[in-house]
Amino acid sequence: MPTSYERPDAAPDLSLVRAFEELFMAEYGRVVGIATRVLADRTEAEDVAQEVFLAFHRSHSPLADYAPAWLHRAAWHTALNRVRGRRRRERRELRSGAPDRDDGWSADPGRIVERIHEREQVRSAMRRLPARAAGALALRYSGLSYAAVAQAMGIGVGQVGTVLRRAEARLKREVGA
């Protein structure tokens, strides 16, 4: 549903502009947090947030009741798509013999290797989890409340604790396996 501030021939509806600004201010941190949990890269997460807000702006009213849940879920999906794309690129680079990139996490090579290994263990375990469990963990550990997680996932608030507990137990088993 296009809004009046998207059409160049129409005068902007200032109430919609203000509503979008308020939505942006209220949800930007959470959207970036969700994407950061999935990507482990704040800069890339901010790019995802920009992409998500732009997509929402183009297609939805900022006054929609579902706006926060839509933004959270879109951040999660967009970040997952980036991870998938990165994995495909890494596989192509490995096949072609391209050099690895330097993340510059630390000056200690041993610590860099350790962090890479730990993160890969968790990411690998998260990939083995069912989408619902992985999504619940990513949303909750991005700082969302149970109510926000429930809304983003389309489940009842009372179910969130159970879903999280089971997901955490399964993640622990997967990491330990």
C-alpha atoms as a PDB file:
ATOM      1  CA  MET A   1       0.000   0.000   0.000  1.00  0.00           C
ATOM      2  CA  PRO A   2       1.884   3.104  -1.165  1.00  0.00           C
ATOM      3  CA  THR A   3       1.857   6.057   1.168  1.00  0.00           C
ATOM      4  CA  SER A   4       1.542   9.652   0.072  1.00  0.00           C
ATOM      5  CA  TYR A   5       5.165  10.441   0.909  1.00  0.00           C
ATOM      6  CA  GLU A   6       6.338   7.820  -1.586  1.00  0.00           C
ATOM      7  CA  ARG A   7       4.632   9.444  -4.584  1.00  0.00           C
ATOM      8  CA  PRO A   8       6.595  12.396  -5.934  1.00  0.00           C
ATOM      9  CA  ASP A   9       3.451  14.016  -7.339  1.00  0.00           C
ATOM     10  CA  ALA A  10       1.656  14.097  -3.960  1.00  0.00           C
ATOM     11  CA  ALA A  11       2.295  16.267  -0.938  1.00  0.00           C
ATOM     12  CA  PRO A  12       3.735  14.229   1.917  1.00  0.00           C
ATOM     13  CA  ASP A  13       1.376  13.244   4.718  1.00  0.00           C
ATOM     14  CA  LEU A  14       3.330  14.593   7.677  1.00  0.00           C
ATOM     15  CA  SER A  15       1.497  12.376  10.148  1.00  0.00           C
ATOM     16  CA  LEU A  16       2.731   9.299   8.250  1.00  0.00           C
ATOM     17  CA  VAL A  17       6.231  10.734   8.058  1.00  0.00           C
ATOM     18  CA  ARG A  18       6.222  11.301  11.830  1.00  0.00           C
ATOM     19  CA  ALA A  19       4.758   7.841  12.433  1.00  0.00           C
ATOM     20  CA  PHE A  20       7.515   6.230  10.369  1.00  0.00           C
ATOM     21  CA  GLU A  21      10.187   8.250  12.189  1.00  0.00           C
ATOM     22  CA  GLU A  22       8.754   7.140  15.540  1.00  0.00           C
ATOM     23  CA  LEU A  23       8.620   3.522  14.382  1.00  0.00           C
ATOM     24  CA  PHE A  24      12.211   3.771  13.183  1.00  0.00           C
ATOM     25  CA  MET A  25      13.419   5.283  16.460  1.00  0.00           C
ATOM     26  CA  ALA A  26      11.544   2.693  18.527  1.00  0.00           C
ATOM     27  CA  GLU A  27      12.574  -0.405  16.563  1.00  0.00           C
ATOM     28  CA  TYR A  28      15.938   0.340  14.946  1.00  0.00           C
ATOM     29  CA  GLY A  29      17.979  -0.944  17.889  1.00  0.00           C
ATOM     30  CA  ARG A  30      16.031  -4.189  18.063  1.00  0.00           C
ATOM     31  CA  VAL A  31      16.219  -4.745  14.309  1.00  0.00           C
ATOM     32  CA  VAL A  32      19.989  -4.204  14.356  1.00  0.00           C
ATOM     33  CA  GLY A  33      20.269  -6.444  17.433  1.00  0.00           C
ATOM     34  CA  ILE A  34      18.442  -9.311  15.744  1.00  0.00           C
ATOM     35  CA  ALA A  35      20.566  -9.013  12.632  1.00  0.00           C
ATOM     36  CA  THR A  36      23.754  -8.761  14.723  1.00  0.00           C
ATOM     37  CA  ARG A  37      22.902 -11.995  16.553  1.00  0.00           C
ATOM     38  CA  VAL A  38      22.550 -13.802  13.244  1.00  0.00           C
ATOM     39  CA  LEU A  39      25.463 -12.148  11.411  1.00  0.00           C
ATOM     40  CA  ALA A  40      27.932 -11.435  14.248  1.00  0.00           C
ATOM     41  CA  ASP A  41      28.836  -8.234  12.392  1.00  0.00           C
ATOM     42  CA  ARG A  42      27.369  -4.912  13.556  1.00  0.00           C
ATOM     43  CA  THR A  43      28.140  -3.058  10.317  1.00  0.00           C
ATOM     44  CA  GLU A  44      26.460  -5.673   8.165  1.00  0.00           C
ATOM     45  CA  ALA A  45      23.549  -5.771  10.633  1.00  0.00           C
ATOM     46  CA  GLU A  46      23.062  -2.025  10.167  1.00  0.00           C
ATOM     47  CA  ASP A  47      22.934  -2.595   6.396  1.00  0.00           C
ATOM     48  CA  VAL A  48      20.272  -5.249   6.962  1.00  0.00           C
ATOM     49  CA  ALA A  49      18.288  -2.854   9.158  1.00  0.00           C
ATOM     50  CA  GLN A  50      18.380  -0.203   6.439  1.00  0.00           C
ATOM     51  CA  GLU A  51      17.196  -2.731   3.870  1.00  0.00           C
ATOM     52  CA  VAL A  52      14.377  -3.945   6.143  1.00  0.00           C
ATOM     53  CA  PHE A  53      13.113  -0.467   6.982  1.00  0.00           C
ATOM     54  CA  LEU A  54      13.205   0.539   3.334  1.00  0.00           C
ATOM     55  CA  ALA A  55      11.213  -2.551   2.325  1.00  0.00           C
ATOM     56  CA  PHE A  56       8.677  -1.856   5.065  1.00  0.00           C
ATOM     57  CA  HIS A  57       8.410   1.817   4.070  1.00  0.00           C
ATOM     58  CA  ARG A  58       7.709   0.902   0.462  1.00  0.00           C
ATOM     59  CA  SER A  59       4.969  -1.611   1.205  1.00  0.00           C
ATOM     60  CA  HIS A  60       3.312  -0.899   4.550  1.00  0.00           C
ATOM     61  CA  SER A  61       1.829   1.854   6.646  1.00  0.00           C
ATOM     62  CA  PRO A  62       3.932   2.843   9.651  1.00  0.00           C
ATOM     63  CA  LEU A  63       0.699   2.825  11.666  1.00  0.00           C
ATOM     64  CA  ALA A  64       0.116  -0.911  11.129  1.00  0.00           C
ATOM     65  CA  ASP A  65      -0.253  -2.911  14.348  1.00  0.00           C
ATOM     66  CA  TYR A  66       2.020  -5.617  12.957  1.00  0.00           C
ATOM     67  CA  ALA A  67       4.887  -3.222  12.161  1.00  0.00           C
ATOM     68  CA  PRO A  68       7.301  -4.245  14.965  1.00  0.00           C
ATOM     69  CA  ALA A  69       6.748  -7.971  14.423  1.00  0.00           C
ATOM     70  CA  TRP A  70       7.139  -7.555  10.644  1.00  0.00           C
ATOM     71  CA  LEU A  71      10.400  -5.661  11.100  1.00  0.00           C
ATOM     72  CA  HIS A  72      11.808  -8.226  13.551  1.00  0.00           C
ATOM     73  CA  ARG A  73      10.933 -11.183  11.367  1.00  0.00           C
ATOM     74  CA  ALA A  74      12.215  -9.441   8.229  1.00  0.00           C
ATOM     75  CA  ALA A  75      15.505  -8.655  10.000  1.00  0.00           C
ATOM     76  CA  TRP A  76      15.875 -12.286  10.963  1.00  0.00           C
ATOM     77  CA  HIS A  77      15.103 -13.558   7.453  1.00  0.00           C
ATOM     78  CA  THR A  78      17.237 -10.952   5.693  1.00  0.00           C
ATOM     79  CA  ALA A  79      20.188 -11.698   7.969  1.00  0.00           C
ATOM     80  CA  LEU A  80      19.775 -15.437   7.408  1.00  0.00           C
ATOM     81  CA  ASN A  81      19.769 -14.805   3.657  1.00  0.00           C
ATOM     82  CA  ARG A  82      23.038 -12.915   4.024  1.00  0.00           C
ATOM     83  CA  VAL A  83      24.561 -15.799   5.995  1.00  0.00           C
ATOM     84  CA  ARG A  84      23.432 -18.254   3.326  1.00  0.00           C
ATOM     85  CA  GLY A  85      24.899 -16.044   0.623  1.00  0.00           C
ATOM     86  CA  ARG A  86      28.159 -15.745   2.537  1.00  0.00           C
ATOM     87  CA  ARG A  87      28.347 -19.542   2.916  1.00  0.00           C
ATOM     88  CA  ARG A  88      27.782 -19.992  -0.815  1.00  0.00           C
ATOM     89  CA  ARG A  89      30.503 -17.426  -1.552  1.00  0.00           C
ATOM     90  CA  GLU A  90      32.913 -19.090   0.903  1.00  0.00           C
ATOM     91  CA  ARG A  91      32.334 -22.475  -0.734  1.00  0.00           C
ATOM     92  CA  ARG A  92      33.010 -20.941  -4.165  1.00  0.00           C
ATOM     93  CA  GLU A  93      36.169 -19.258  -2.847  1.00  0.00           C
ATOM     94  CA  LEU A  94      37.411 -22.483  -1.281  1.00  0.00           C
ATOM     95  CA  ARG A  95      36.890 -24.303  -4.566  1.00  0.00           C
ATOM     96  CA  SER A  96      38.719 -21.568  -6.448  1.00  0.00           C
ATOM     97  CA  GLY A  97      41.520 -21.246  -3.890  1.00  0.00           C
ATOM     98  CA  ALA A  98      40.768 -17.605  -2.983  1.00  0.00           C
ATOM     99  CA  PRO A  99      42.450 -16.382   0.237  1.00  0.00           C
ATOM    100  CA  ASP A 100      40.488 -15.979   3.481  1.00  0.00           C
ATOM    101  CA  ARG A 101      39.590 -12.508   4.664  1.00  0.00           C
ATOM    102  CA  ASP A 102      41.159 -10.977   7.771  1.00  0.00           C
ATOM    103  CA  ASP A 103      38.574  -9.885  10.336  1.00  0.00           C
ATOM    104  CA  GLY A 104      41.132  -8.163  12.576  1.00  0.00           C
ATOM    105  CA  TRP A 105      39.417  -9.358  15.772  1.00  0.00           C
ATOM    106  CA  SER A 106      42.629  -9.535  17.754  1.00  0.00           C
ATOM    107  CA  ALA A 107      46.356  -9.307  17.344  1.00  0.00           C
ATOM    108  CA  ASP A 108      46.694 -12.805  18.850  1.00  0.00           C
ATOM    109  CA  PRO A 109      46.355 -15.416  16.094  1.00  0.00           C
ATOM    110  CA  GLY A 110      45.512 -18.108  18.650  1.00  0.00           C
ATOM    111  CA  ARG A 111      42.586 -16.061  19.952  1.00  0.00           C
ATOM    112  CA  ILE A 112      41.359 -15.408  16.417  1.00  0.00           C
ATOM    113  CA  VAL A 113      41.348 -19.124  15.653  1.00  0.00           C
ATOM    114  CA  GLU A 114      39.610 -19.871  18.962  1.00  0.00           C
ATOM    115  CA  ARG A 115      36.842 -17.313  18.350  1.00  0.00           C
ATOM    116  CA  ILE A 116      36.329 -18.502  14.786  1.00  0.00           C
ATOM    117  CA  HIS A 117      36.035 -22.074  16.020  1.00  0.00           C
ATOM    118  CA  GLU A 118      33.576 -21.166  18.813  1.00  0.00           C
ATOM    119  CA  ARG A 119      31.375 -19.121  16.517  1.00  0.00           C
ATOM    120  CA  GLU A 120      31.387 -21.787  13.846  1.00  0.00           C
ATOM    121  CA  GLN A 121      30.362 -24.398  16.416  1.00  0.00           C
ATOM    122  CA  VAL A 122      27.371 -22.297  17.496  1.00  0.00           C
ATOM    123  CA  ARG A 123      26.417 -21.359  13.932  1.00  0.00           C
ATOM    124  CA  SER A 124      26.668 -24.964  12.832  1.00  0.00           C
ATOM    125  CA  ALA A 125      24.515 -26.047  15.764  1.00  0.00           C
ATOM    126  CA  MET A 126      21.968 -23.281  15.012  1.00  0.00           C
ATOM    127  CA  ARG A 127      21.754 -24.483  11.390  1.00  0.00           C
ATOM    128  CA  ARG A 128      20.925 -27.980  12.615  1.00  0.00           C
ATOM    129  CA  LEU A 129      18.078 -26.683  14.783  1.00  0.00           C
ATOM    130  CA  PRO A 130      14.561 -26.493  13.381  1.00  0.00           C
ATOM    131  CA  ALA A 131      13.805 -23.017  11.977  1.00  0.00           C
ATOM    132  CA  ARG A 132      11.310 -22.286  14.758  1.00  0.00           C
ATOM    133  CA  ALA A 133      13.830 -23.071  17.502  1.00  0.00           C
ATOM    134  CA  ALA A 134      16.669 -21.153  15.827  1.00  0.00           C
ATOM    135  CA  GLY A 135      14.375 -18.189  15.221  1.00  0.00           C
ATOM    136  CA  ALA A 136      13.158 -18.112  18.813  1.00  0.00           C
ATOM    137  CA  LEU A 137      16.739 -18.101  20.105  1.00  0.00           C
ATOM    138  CA  ALA A 138      17.871 -15.407  17.660  1.00  0.00           C
ATOM    139  CA  LEU A 139      14.914 -13.170  18.481  1.00  0.00           C
ATOM    140  CA  ARG A 140      15.110 -13.568  22.264  1.00  0.00           C
ATOM    141  CA  TYR A 141      18.875 -13.164  22.488  1.00  0.00           C
ATOM    142  CA  SER A 142      18.571 -10.034  20.370  1.00  0.00           C
ATOM    143  CA  GLY A 143      16.857  -8.428  23.323  1.00  0.00           C
ATOM    144  CA  LEU A 144      13.202  -8.914  22.455  1.00  0.00           C
ATOM    145  CA  SER A 145      10.656  -9.552  25.176  1.00  0.00           C
ATOM    146  CA  TYR A 146       8.620 -12.738  25.249  1.00  0.00           C
ATOM    147  CA  ALA A 147       5.655 -10.754  23.897  1.00  0.00           C
ATOM    148  CA  ALA A 148       7.683  -9.424  20.965  1.00  0.00           C
ATOM    149  CA  VAL A 149       9.098 -12.888  20.216  1.00  0.00           C
ATOM    150  CA  ALA A 150       5.584 -14.333  20.308  1.00  0.00           C
ATOM    151  CA  GLN A 151       4.272 -11.672  17.948  1.00  0.00           C
ATOM    152  CA  ALA A 152       7.173 -12.059  15.519  1.00  0.00           C
ATOM    153  CA  MET A 153       6.792 -15.845  15.469  1.00  0.00           C
ATOM    154  CA  GLY A 154       3.009 -15.909  15.445  1.00  0.00           C
ATOM    155  CA  ILE A 155       2.707 -17.949  18.648  1.00  0.00           C
ATOM    156  CA  GLY A 156       1.185 -17.319  22.060  1.00  0.00           C
ATOM    157  CA  VAL A 157       3.226 -15.573  24.734  1.00  0.00           C
ATOM    158  CA  GLY A 158       2.774 -18.597  26.974  1.00  0.00           C
ATOM    159  CA  GLN A 159       4.487 -20.798  24.391  1.00  0.00           C
ATOM    160  CA  VAL A 160       7.641 -18.694  24.106  1.00  0.00           C
ATOM    161  CA  GLY A 161       9.242 -19.947  27.325  1.00  0.00           C
ATOM    162  CA  THR A 162       8.668 -23.566  26.359  1.00  0.00           C
ATOM    163  CA  VAL A 163       9.956 -23.053  22.825  1.00  0.00           C
ATOM    164  CA  LEU A 164      13.048 -21.252  24.172  1.00  0.00           C
ATOM    165  CA  ARG A 165      13.758 -23.851  26.856  1.00  0.00           C
ATOM    166  CA  ARG A 166      13.541 -26.685  24.345  1.00  0.00           C
ATOM    167  CA  ALA A 167      15.588 -24.759  21.785  1.00  0.00           C
ATOM    168  CA  GLU A 168      18.308 -23.965  24.335  1.00  0.00           C
ATOM    169  CA  ALA A 169      18.460 -27.602  25.460  1.00  0.00           C
ATOM    170  CA  ARG A 170      18.724 -28.777  21.867  1.00  0.00           C
ATOM    171  CA  LEU A 171      21.380 -26.144  21.081  1.00  0.00           C
ATOM    172  CA  LYS A 172      23.446 -27.320  24.067  1.00  0.00           C
ATOM    173  CA  ARG A 173      23.183 -30.905  22.832  1.00  0.00           C
ATOM    174  CA  GLU A 174      24.143 -29.875  19.291  1.00  0.00           C
ATOM    175  CA  VAL A 175      27.152 -27.827  20.432  1.00  0.00           C
ATOM    176  CA  GLY A 176      28.276 -30.660  22.702  1.00  0.00           C
ATOM    177  CA  ALA A 177      27.803 -33.282  19.986  1.00  0.00           C
END
